[in-house]
PDB file of N, CA and C in Angstrom:
ATOM      1  N   THR A   1      98.444  95.176 104.870  1.00  0.00           N
ATOM      2  CA  THR A   1      98.629  94.657 103.536  1.00  0.00           C
ATOM      3  C   THR A   1      97.701  93.472 103.346  1.00  0.00           C
ATOM      4  N   SER A   2      97.068  93.428 102.186  1.00  0.00           N
ATOM      5  CA  SER A   2      96.180  92.313 101.868  1.00  0.00           C
ATOM      6  C   SER A   2      96.242  92.040 100.375  1.00  0.00           C
ATOM      7  N   ASP A   3      95.601  90.960  99.994  1.00  0.00           N
ATOM      8  CA  ASP A   3      95.456  90.690  98.573  1.00  0.00           C
ATOM      9  C   ASP A   3      94.494  91.717  97.996  1.00  0.00           C
ATOM     10  N   CYS A   4      94.266  91.631  96.711  1.00  0.00           N
ATOM     11  CA  CYS A   4      93.353  92.550  96.031  1.00  0.00           C
ATOM     12  C   CYS A   4      91.987  92.545  96.714  1.00  0.00           C
ATOM     13  N   LEU A   5      91.452  93.734  97.002  1.00  0.00           N
ATOM     14  CA  LEU A   5      90.139  93.855  97.629  1.00  0.00           C
ATOM     15  C   LEU A   5      88.995  93.767  96.623  1.00  0.00           C
ATOM     16  N   GLY A   6      89.300  93.729  95.364  1.00  0.00           N
ATOM     17  CA  GLY A   6      88.249  93.640  94.345  1.00  0.00           C
ATOM     18  C   GLY A   6      88.548  94.483  93.132  1.00  0.00           C
ATOM     19  N   PRO A   7      88.652  95.800  93.287  1.00  0.00           N
ATOM     20  CA  PRO A   7      88.994  96.627  92.123  1.00  0.00           C
ATOM     21  C   PRO A   7      90.505  96.613  91.895  1.00  0.00           C
ATOM     22  N   CYS A   8      90.997  95.507  91.378  1.00  0.00           N
ATOM     23  CA  CYS A   8      92.447  95.267  91.297  1.00  0.00           C
ATOM     24  C   CYS A   8      93.180  96.217  90.355  1.00  0.00           C
ATOM     25  N   ALA A   9      92.453  96.910  89.481  1.00  0.00           N
ATOM     26  CA  ALA A   9      93.105  97.863  88.580  1.00  0.00           C
ATOM     27  C   ALA A   9      93.505  99.137  89.323  1.00  0.00           C
ATOM     28  N   GLN A  10      92.977  99.333  90.514  1.00  0.00           N
ATOM     29  CA  GLN A  10      93.282 100.514  91.312  1.00  0.00           C
ATOM     30  C   GLN A  10      94.383 100.164  92.309  1.00  0.00           C
ATOM     31  N   ALA A  11      95.278 101.097  92.520  1.00  0.00           N
ATOM     32  CA  ALA A  11      96.369 100.867  93.463  1.00  0.00           C
ATOM     33  C   ALA A  11      95.998 101.357  94.854  1.00  0.00           C
ATOM     34  N   ASN A  12      96.488 100.674  95.842  1.00  0.00           N
ATOM     35  CA  ASN A  12      96.419 101.115  97.237  1.00  0.00           C
ATOM     36  C   ASN A  12      95.023 101.577  97.653  1.00  0.00           C
ATOM     37  N   ILE A  13      94.113 100.640  97.774  1.00  0.00           N
ATOM     38  CA  ILE A  13      92.742 100.928  98.192  1.00  0.00           C
ATOM     39  C   ILE A  13      92.675 101.025  99.717  1.00  0.00           C
ATOM     40  N   VAL A  14      91.989 102.053 100.207  1.00  0.00           N
ATOM     41  CA  VAL A  14      91.656 102.177 101.621  1.00  0.00           C
ATOM     42  C   VAL A  14      90.137 102.237 101.702  1.00  0.00           C
ATOM     43  N   VAL A  15      89.553 101.415 102.578  1.00  0.00           N
ATOM     44  CA  VAL A  15      88.104 101.416 102.771  1.00  0.00           C
ATOM     45  C   VAL A  15      87.820 102.130 104.084  1.00  0.00           C
ATOM     46  N   VAL A  16      87.059 103.225 104.005  1.00  0.00           N
ATOM     47  CA  VAL A  16      86.711 104.021 105.182  1.00  0.00           C
ATOM     48  C   VAL A  16      85.293 103.634 105.593  1.00  0.00           C
ATOM     49  N   GLN A  17      85.177 103.019 106.755  1.00  0.00           N
ATOM     50  CA  GLN A  17      83.879 102.566 107.253  1.00  0.00           C
ATOM     51  C   GLN A  17      83.193 103.695 108.022  1.00  0.00           C
ATOM     52  N   PRO A  18      81.870 103.813 107.899  1.00  0.00           N
ATOM     53  CA  PRO A  18      81.164 104.815 108.701  1.00  0.00           C
ATOM     54  C   PRO A  18      81.060 104.370 110.156  1.00  0.00           C
ATOM     55  N   SER A  19      80.929 105.338 111.019  1.00  0.00           N
ATOM     56  CA  SER A  19      80.664 105.040 112.425  1.00  0.00           C
ATOM     57  C   SER A  19      79.222 104.541 112.547  1.00  0.00           C
ATOM     58  N   THR A  20      78.847 104.103 113.731  1.00  0.00           N
ATOM     59  CA  THR A  20      77.459 103.673 113.946  1.00  0.00           C
ATOM     60  C   THR A  20      76.502 104.813 113.623  1.00  0.00           C
ATOM     61  N   GLU A  21      76.811 106.008 114.102  1.00  0.00           N
ATOM     62  CA  GLU A  21      75.953 107.163 113.814  1.00  0.00           C
ATOM     63  C   GLU A  21      75.975 107.498 112.328  1.00  0.00           C
ATOM     64  N   GLY A  22      77.133 107.414 111.704  1.00  0.00           N
ATOM     65  CA  GLY A  22      77.224 107.666 110.270  1.00  0.00           C
ATOM     66  C   GLY A  22      76.368 106.695 109.479  1.00  0.00           C
ATOM     67  N   ARG A  23      76.359 105.426 109.878  1.00  0.00           N
ATOM     68  CA  ARG A  23      75.535 104.425 109.197  1.00  0.00           C
ATOM     69  C   ARG A  23      74.049 104.732 109.407  1.00  0.00           C
ATOM     70  N   ARG A  24      73.676 105.153 110.618  1.00  0.00           N
ATOM     71  CA  ARG A  24      72.278 105.538 110.875  1.00  0.00           C
ATOM     72  C   ARG A  24      71.841 106.678 109.963  1.00  0.00           C
ATOM     73  N   ARG A  25      72.781 107.542 109.639  1.00  0.00           N
ATOM     74  CA  ARG A  25      72.477 108.693 108.774  1.00  0.00           C
ATOM     75  C   ARG A  25      72.615 108.362 107.289  1.00  0.00           C
ATOM     76  N   GLY A  26      72.833 107.102 106.971  1.00  0.00           N
ATOM     77  CA  GLY A  26      72.896 106.697 105.571  1.00  0.00           C
ATOM     78  C   GLY A  26      74.287 106.522 105.008  1.00  0.00           C
ATOM     79  N   GLY A  27      75.312 106.696 105.832  1.00  0.00           N
ATOM     80  CA  GLY A  27      76.683 106.542 105.359  1.00  0.00           C
ATOM     81  C   GLY A  27      77.002 105.096 105.016  1.00  0.00           C
ATOM     82  N   ARG A  28      77.778 104.912 103.998  1.00  0.00           N
ATOM     83  CA  ARG A  28      78.239 103.589 103.567  1.00  0.00           C
ATOM     84  C   ARG A  28      79.756 103.621 103.436  1.00  0.00           C
ATOM     85  N   ALA A  29      80.346 102.461 103.403  1.00  0.00           N
ATOM     86  CA  ALA A  29      81.800 102.377 103.257  1.00  0.00           C
ATOM     87  C   ALA A  29      82.238 103.129 102.007  1.00  0.00           C
ATOM     88  N   ALA A  30      83.302 103.883 102.142  1.00  0.00           N
ATOM     89  CA  ALA A  30      83.861 104.639 101.015  1.00  0.00           C
ATOM     90  C   ALA A  30      85.175 103.986 100.608  1.00  0.00           C
ATOM     91  N   TRP A  31      85.308 103.693  99.328  1.00  0.00           N
ATOM     92  CA  TRP A  31      86.516 103.069  98.788  1.00  0.00           C
ATOM     93  C   TRP A  31      87.342 104.153  98.124  1.00  0.00           C
ATOM     94  N   VAL A  32      88.540 104.360  98.643  1.00  0.00           N
ATOM     95  CA  VAL A  32      89.433 105.397  98.135  1.00  0.00           C
ATOM     96  C   VAL A  32      90.632 104.708  97.481  1.00  0.00           C
ATOM     97  N   GLY A  33      90.872 105.025  96.220  1.00  0.00           N
ATOM     98  CA  GLY A  33      91.983 104.416  95.495  1.00  0.00           C
ATOM     99  C   GLY A  33      93.176 105.355  95.399  1.00  0.00           C
ATOM    100  N   PHE A  34      94.285 104.799  95.034  1.00  0.00           N
ATOM    101  CA  PHE A  34      95.524 105.550  94.806  1.00  0.00           C
ATOM    102  C   PHE A  34      95.960 106.331  96.043  1.00  0.00           C
ATOM    103  N   THR A  35      95.876 105.690  97.194  1.00  0.00           N
ATOM    104  CA  THR A  35      96.289 106.338  98.446  1.00  0.00           C
ATOM    105  C   THR A  35      97.795 106.147  98.615  1.00  0.00           C
ATOM    106  N   LEU A  36      98.534 106.863  97.794  1.00  0.00           N
ATOM    107  CA  LEU A  36      99.967 106.617  97.668  1.00  0.00           C
ATOM    108  C   LEU A  36     100.863 107.585  98.431  1.00  0.00           C
ATOM    109  N   ASP A  37     100.300 108.653  98.993  1.00  0.00           N
ATOM    110  CA  ASP A  37     101.192 109.619  99.639  1.00  0.00           C
ATOM    111  C   ASP A  37     100.640 110.073 100.984  1.00  0.00           C
ATOM    112  N   ASP A  38     101.486 110.746 101.734  1.00  0.00           N
ATOM    113  CA  ASP A  38     101.107 111.194 103.069  1.00  0.00           C
ATOM    114  C   ASP A  38      99.967 112.200 103.041  1.00  0.00           C
ATOM    115  N   ASP A  39      99.900 113.053 102.017  1.00  0.00           N
ATOM    116  CA  ASP A  39      98.816 114.035 101.933  1.00  0.00           C
ATOM    117  C   ASP A  39      97.465 113.337 101.847  1.00  0.00           C
ATOM    118  N   CYS A  40      97.387 112.292 101.056  1.00  0.00           N
ATOM    119  CA  CYS A  40      96.148 111.540 100.922  1.00  0.00           C
ATOM    120  C   CYS A  40      95.772 110.884 102.250  1.00  0.00           C
ATOM    121  N   LEU A  41      96.734 110.270 102.893  1.00  0.00           N
ATOM    122  CA  LEU A  41      96.464 109.638 104.187  1.00  0.00           C
ATOM    123  C   LEU A  41      96.054 110.670 105.233  1.00  0.00           C
ATOM    124  N   ASP A  42      96.664 111.847 105.200  1.00  0.00           N
ATOM    125  CA  ASP A  42      96.261 112.924 106.113  1.00  0.00           C
ATOM    126  C   ASP A  42      94.815 113.327 105.863  1.00  0.00           C
ATOM    127  N   ASP A  43      94.406 113.389 104.578  1.00  0.00           N
ATOM    128  CA  ASP A  43      93.015 113.724 104.239  1.00  0.00           C
ATOM    129  C   ASP A  43      92.054 112.658 104.762  1.00  0.00           C
ATOM    130  N   ILE A  44      92.432 111.392 104.633  1.00  0.00           N
ATOM    131  CA  ILE A  44      91.583 110.306 105.138  1.00  0.00           C
ATOM    132  C   ILE A  44      91.442 110.409 106.652  1.00  0.00           C
ATOM    133  N   LEU A  45      92.542 110.640 107.346  1.00  0.00           N
ATOM    134  CA  LEU A  45      92.488 110.768 108.804  1.00  0.00           C
ATOM    135  C   LEU A  45      91.655 111.967 109.235  1.00  0.00           C
ATOM    136  N   ALA A  46      91.819 113.100 108.551  1.00  0.00           N
ATOM    137  CA  ALA A  46      91.035 114.295 108.885  1.00  0.00           C
ATOM    138  C   ALA A  46      89.549 114.039 108.665  1.00  0.00           C
ATOM    139  N   TRP A  47      89.213 113.350 107.579  1.00  0.00           N
ATOM    140  CA  TRP A  47      87.813 113.024 107.296  1.00  0.00           C
ATOM    141  C   TRP A  47      87.247 112.114 108.390  1.00  0.00           C
ATOM    142  N   ALA A  48      88.009 111.093 108.774  1.00  0.00           N
ATOM    143  CA  ALA A  48      87.559 110.183 109.828  1.00  0.00           C
ATOM    144  C   ALA A  48      87.369 110.934 111.148  1.00  0.00           C
ATOM    145  N   GLU A  49      88.292 111.825 111.472  1.00  0.00           N
ATOM    146  CA  GLU A  49      88.180 112.606 112.705  1.00  0.00           C
ATOM    147  C   GLU A  49      86.987 113.554 112.673  1.00  0.00           C
ATOM    148  N   ALA A  50      86.602 114.010 111.471  1.00  0.00           N
ATOM    149  CA  ALA A  50      85.438 114.894 111.322  1.00  0.00           C
ATOM    150  C   ALA A  50      84.128 114.115 111.341  1.00  0.00           C
ATOM    151  N   GLY A  51      84.208 112.795 111.356  1.00  0.00           N
ATOM    152  CA  GLY A  51      83.001 111.974 111.420  1.00  0.00           C
ATOM    153  C   GLY A  51      82.923 110.915 110.345  1.00  0.00           C
ATOM    154  N   GLY A  52      83.598 111.137 109.227  1.00  0.00           N
ATOM    155  CA  GLY A  52      83.627 110.132 108.159  1.00  0.00           C
ATOM    156  C   GLY A  52      82.315 110.010 107.400  1.00  0.00           C
ATOM    157  N   PRO A  53      82.149 108.915 106.654  1.00  0.00           N
ATOM    158  CA  PRO A  53      80.967 108.729 105.811  1.00  0.00           C
ATOM    159  C   PRO A  53      79.662 108.859 106.602  1.00  0.00           C
ATOM    160  N   GLY A  54      78.722 109.602 106.038  1.00  0.00           N
ATOM    161  CA  GLY A  54      77.425 109.799 106.671  1.00  0.00           C
ATOM    162  C   GLY A  54      77.375 110.978 107.615  1.00  0.00           C
ATOM    163  N   ILE A  55      78.522 111.448 108.064  1.00  0.00           N
ATOM    164  CA  ILE A  55      78.585 112.577 108.999  1.00  0.00           C
ATOM    165  C   ILE A  55      79.196 113.792 108.319  1.00  0.00           C
ATOM    166  N   ALA A  56      80.350 113.604 107.708  1.00  0.00           N
ATOM    167  CA  ALA A  56      81.083 114.710 107.083  1.00  0.00           C
ATOM    168  C   ALA A  56      81.359 114.372 105.617  1.00  0.00           C
ATOM    169  N   PRO A  57      81.284 115.366 104.748  1.00  0.00           N
ATOM    170  CA  PRO A  57      81.632 115.099 103.344  1.00  0.00           C
ATOM    171  C   PRO A  57      83.137 114.849 103.221  1.00  0.00           C
ATOM    172  N   PRO A  58      83.529 114.020 102.264  1.00  0.00           N
ATOM    173  CA  PRO A  58      84.966 113.800 102.084  1.00  0.00           C
ATOM    174  C   PRO A  58      85.630 115.048 101.523  1.00  0.00           C
ATOM    175  N   PRO A  59      86.908 115.254 101.805  1.00  0.00           N
ATOM    176  CA  PRO A  59      87.630 116.345 101.154  1.00  0.00           C
ATOM    177  C   PRO A  59      87.547 116.181  99.633  1.00  0.00           C
ATOM    178  N   ALA A  60      87.570 117.283  98.923  1.00  0.00           N
ATOM    179  CA  ALA A  60      87.438 117.248  97.458  1.00  0.00           C
ATOM    180  C   ALA A  60      88.483 116.347  96.813  1.00  0.00           C
ATOM    181  N   THR A  61      89.689 116.349  97.356  1.00  0.00           N
ATOM    182  CA  THR A  61      90.739 115.506  96.770  1.00  0.00           C
ATOM    183  C   THR A  61      90.386 114.027  96.895  1.00  0.00           C
ATOM    184  N   LEU A  62      89.785 113.633  98.018  1.00  0.00           N
ATOM    185  CA  LEU A  62      89.390 112.233  98.176  1.00  0.00           C
ATOM    186  C   LEU A  62      88.201 111.890  97.298  1.00  0.00           C
ATOM    187  N   ALA A  63      87.283 112.818  97.142  1.00  0.00           N
ATOM    188  CA  ALA A  63      86.115 112.559  96.291  1.00  0.00           C
ATOM    189  C   ALA A  63      86.556 112.185  94.877  1.00  0.00           C
ATOM    190  N   LEU A  64      87.643 112.771  94.423  1.00  0.00           N
ATOM    191  CA  LEU A  64      88.162 112.460  93.089  1.00  0.00           C
ATOM    192  C   LEU A  64      88.810 111.078  93.031  1.00  0.00           C
ATOM    193  N   GLN A  65      89.158 110.525  94.174  1.00  0.00           N
ATOM    194  CA  GLN A  65      89.847 109.237  94.222  1.00  0.00           C
ATOM    195  C   GLN A  65      88.926 108.072  94.573  1.00  0.00           C
ATOM    196  N   MET A  66      87.635 108.331  94.759  1.00  0.00           N
ATOM    197  CA  MET A  66      86.696 107.271  95.120  1.00  0.00           C
ATOM    198  C   MET A  66      86.573 106.267  93.977  1.00  0.00           C
ATOM    199  N   VAL A  67      86.518 104.997  94.348  1.00  0.00           N
ATOM    200  CA  VAL A  67      86.327 103.922  93.374  1.00  0.00           C
ATOM    201  C   VAL A  67      85.112 103.106  93.799  1.00  0.00           C
ATOM    202  N   ASP A  68      84.512 102.431  92.845  1.00  0.00           N
ATOM    203  CA  ASP A  68      83.358 101.588  93.143  1.00  0.00           C
ATOM    204  C   ASP A  68      83.811 100.306  93.831  1.00  0.00           C
ATOM    205  N   PRO A  69      83.074  99.877  94.849  1.00  0.00           N
ATOM    206  CA  PRO A  69      83.414  98.597  95.474  1.00  0.00           C
ATOM    207  C   PRO A  69      83.110  97.462  94.504  1.00  0.00           C
ATOM    208  N   PRO A  70      83.709  96.305  94.734  1.00  0.00           N
ATOM    209  CA  PRO A  70      83.456  95.178  93.830  1.00  0.00           C
ATOM    210  C   PRO A  70      82.012  94.710  93.936  1.00  0.00           C
ATOM    211  N   LYS A  71      81.517  94.187  92.866  1.00  0.00           N
ATOM    212  CA  LYS A  71      80.183  93.576  92.866  1.00  0.00           C
ATOM    213  C   LYS A  71      80.343  92.145  93.369  1.00  0.00           C
ATOM    214  N   ASN A  72      79.481  91.731  94.257  1.00  0.00           N
ATOM    215  CA  ASN A  72      79.601  90.365  94.809  1.00  0.00           C
ATOM    216  C   ASN A  72      79.237  89.339  93.812  1.00  0.00           C
TER     217      ASN A  72
END
């Protein structure tokens, strides 16, 4: 639990970081909003286990939940 990560209009943000190899391949942190149920969390875990950003595409359901990170 933390304070607002930036896009405060979105509920329950999870930031999925790429692995070192994923970053080498161009992967960047993915911000997923509205992570309110077990199915969504299962999709995030499956994506991370498949390699995550830069290695594996996100499941279609997560792609619909992506939000823009805050501008610094």
